[in-house]
Amino acid sequence: MSNKTATIFEIQLVGLVFGSCCLFWDFKSEYKEIYLLDEKKEF
């Protein structure tokens, strides 16, 4: 029983880390696009 809960917890933890990494990557690419657009406007 405890082994099962441990694996469920591990899966949730991995999912959480993966989710935050994806969220951060999306935010980074969005920020990069905005930054590039701002740079283009200046020149």
N, C-alpha and C. Protein backbone atom coordinates (compact mmCIF):
# COMPACT_ATOMS: atom_id res chain seq x y z
N MET A 1 0.83 -1.21 0.00
CA MET A 1 0.00 0.00 0.00
C MET A 1 0.87 1.26 0.00
N SER A 2 1.85 1.30 0.89
CA SER A 2 2.71 2.48 0.98
C SER A 2 3.54 2.65 -0.30
N ASN A 3 3.89 1.53 -0.92
CA ASN A 3 4.65 1.56 -2.16
C ASN A 3 3.82 2.22 -3.26
N LYS A 4 2.52 1.89 -3.30
CA LYS A 4 1.62 2.45 -4.31
C LYS A 4 1.50 3.97 -4.15
N THR A 5 1.31 4.42 -2.91
CA THR A 5 1.17 5.86 -2.66
C THR A 5 2.46 6.58 -3.00
N ALA A 6 3.59 5.92 -2.78
CA ALA A 6 4.89 6.53 -3.08
C ALA A 6 5.02 6.77 -4.58
N THR A 7 4.61 5.78 -5.38
CA THR A 7 4.71 5.94 -6.83
C THR A 7 3.76 7.03 -7.31
N ILE A 8 2.56 7.09 -6.73
CA ILE A 8 1.58 8.13 -7.10
C ILE A 8 2.17 9.51 -6.77
N PHE A 9 2.80 9.61 -5.60
CA PHE A 9 3.42 10.87 -5.19
C PHE A 9 4.55 11.25 -6.14
N GLU A 10 5.36 10.25 -6.51
CA GLU A 10 6.47 10.50 -7.44
C GLU A 10 5.95 10.99 -8.79
N ILE A 11 4.89 10.34 -9.27
CA ILE A 11 4.29 10.73 -10.56
C ILE A 11 3.78 12.17 -10.48
N GLN A 12 3.12 12.50 -9.38
CA GLN A 12 2.60 13.86 -9.19
C GLN A 12 3.74 14.87 -9.14
N LEU A 13 4.82 14.49 -8.45
CA LEU A 13 5.98 15.38 -8.32
C LEU A 13 6.62 15.63 -9.68
N VAL A 14 6.81 14.55 -10.44
CA VAL A 14 7.40 14.66 -11.78
C VAL A 14 6.50 15.51 -12.67
N GLY A 15 5.18 15.28 -12.57
CA GLY A 15 4.22 16.05 -13.36
C GLY A 15 4.26 17.53 -13.01
N LEU A 16 4.40 17.82 -11.73
CA LEU A 16 4.46 19.20 -11.27
C LEU A 16 5.72 19.89 -11.80
N VAL A 17 6.85 19.20 -11.69
CA VAL A 17 8.13 19.75 -12.17
C VAL A 17 8.07 19.95 -13.68
N PHE A 18 7.57 18.94 -14.39
CA PHE A 18 7.46 19.03 -15.85
C PHE A 18 6.53 20.17 -16.25
N GLY A 19 5.41 20.30 -15.52
CA GLY A 19 4.44 21.37 -15.80
C GLY A 19 5.04 22.75 -15.61
N SER A 20 5.78 22.93 -14.51
CA SER A 20 6.39 24.24 -14.24
C SER A 20 7.48 24.53 -15.26
N CYS A 21 8.20 23.49 -15.70
CA CYS A 21 9.25 23.69 -16.72
C CYS A 21 8.61 24.14 -18.03
N CYS A 22 7.51 23.49 -18.40
CA CYS A 22 6.80 23.85 -19.63
C CYS A 22 6.27 25.28 -19.53
N LEU A 23 5.71 25.62 -18.38
CA LEU A 23 5.16 26.95 -18.15
C LEU A 23 6.27 28.00 -18.27
N PHE A 24 7.42 27.71 -17.65
CA PHE A 24 8.56 28.62 -17.68
C PHE A 24 9.07 28.77 -19.10
N TRP A 25 9.12 27.66 -19.85
CA TRP A 25 9.63 27.70 -21.23
C TRP A 25 8.70 28.55 -22.09
N ASP A 26 7.37 28.36 -21.92
CA ASP A 26 6.39 29.15 -22.67
C ASP A 26 6.55 30.63 -22.35
N PHE A 27 6.72 30.95 -21.07
CA PHE A 27 6.89 32.33 -20.64
C PHE A 27 8.16 32.91 -21.25
N LYS A 28 9.24 32.11 -21.27
CA LYS A 28 10.53 32.56 -21.80
C LYS A 28 10.42 32.86 -23.29
N SER A 29 9.79 31.95 -24.04
CA SER A 29 9.68 32.15 -25.49
C SER A 29 8.78 33.35 -25.80
N GLU A 30 7.71 33.50 -25.01
CA GLU A 30 6.82 34.65 -25.19
C GLU A 30 7.57 35.95 -24.92
N TYR A 31 8.35 35.96 -23.84
CA TYR A 31 9.12 37.14 -23.47
C TYR A 31 10.13 37.46 -24.56
N LYS A 32 10.75 36.41 -25.12
CA LYS A 32 11.75 36.59 -26.17
C LYS A 32 11.10 37.23 -27.40
N GLU A 33 9.91 36.74 -27.75
CA GLU A 33 9.19 37.28 -28.91
C GLU A 33 8.87 38.74 -28.70
N ILE A 34 8.38 39.09 -27.53
CA ILE A 34 8.03 40.48 -27.20
C ILE A 34 9.29 41.35 -27.27
N TYR A 35 10.39 40.81 -26.71
CA TYR A 35 11.66 41.54 -26.70
C TYR A 35 12.15 41.80 -28.11
N LEU A 36 12.05 40.78 -28.97
CA LEU A 36 12.48 40.92 -30.36
C LEU A 36 11.61 41.94 -31.09
N LEU A 37 10.30 41.91 -30.82
CA LEU A 37 9.38 42.86 -31.45
C LEU A 37 9.73 44.29 -31.02
N ASP A 38 10.03 44.47 -29.74
CA ASP A 38 10.41 45.78 -29.23
C ASP A 38 11.70 46.26 -29.88
N GLU A 39 12.65 45.34 -30.07
CA GLU A 39 13.93 45.69 -30.70
C GLU A 39 13.70 46.14 -32.14
N LYS A 40 12.83 45.42 -32.85
CA LYS A 40 12.54 45.76 -34.24
C LYS A 40 11.90 47.15 -34.35
N LYS A 41 11.05 47.48 -33.39
CA LYS A 41 10.39 48.79 -33.39
C LYS A 41 11.42 49.91 -33.25
N GLU A 42 12.42 49.67 -32.40
CA GLU A 42 13.43 50.71 -32.15
C GLU A 42 14.25 51.01 -33.40
N PHE A 43 14.61 49.95 -34.13
CA PHE A 43 15.47 50.16 -35.31
C PHE A 43 14.69 50.55 -36.56
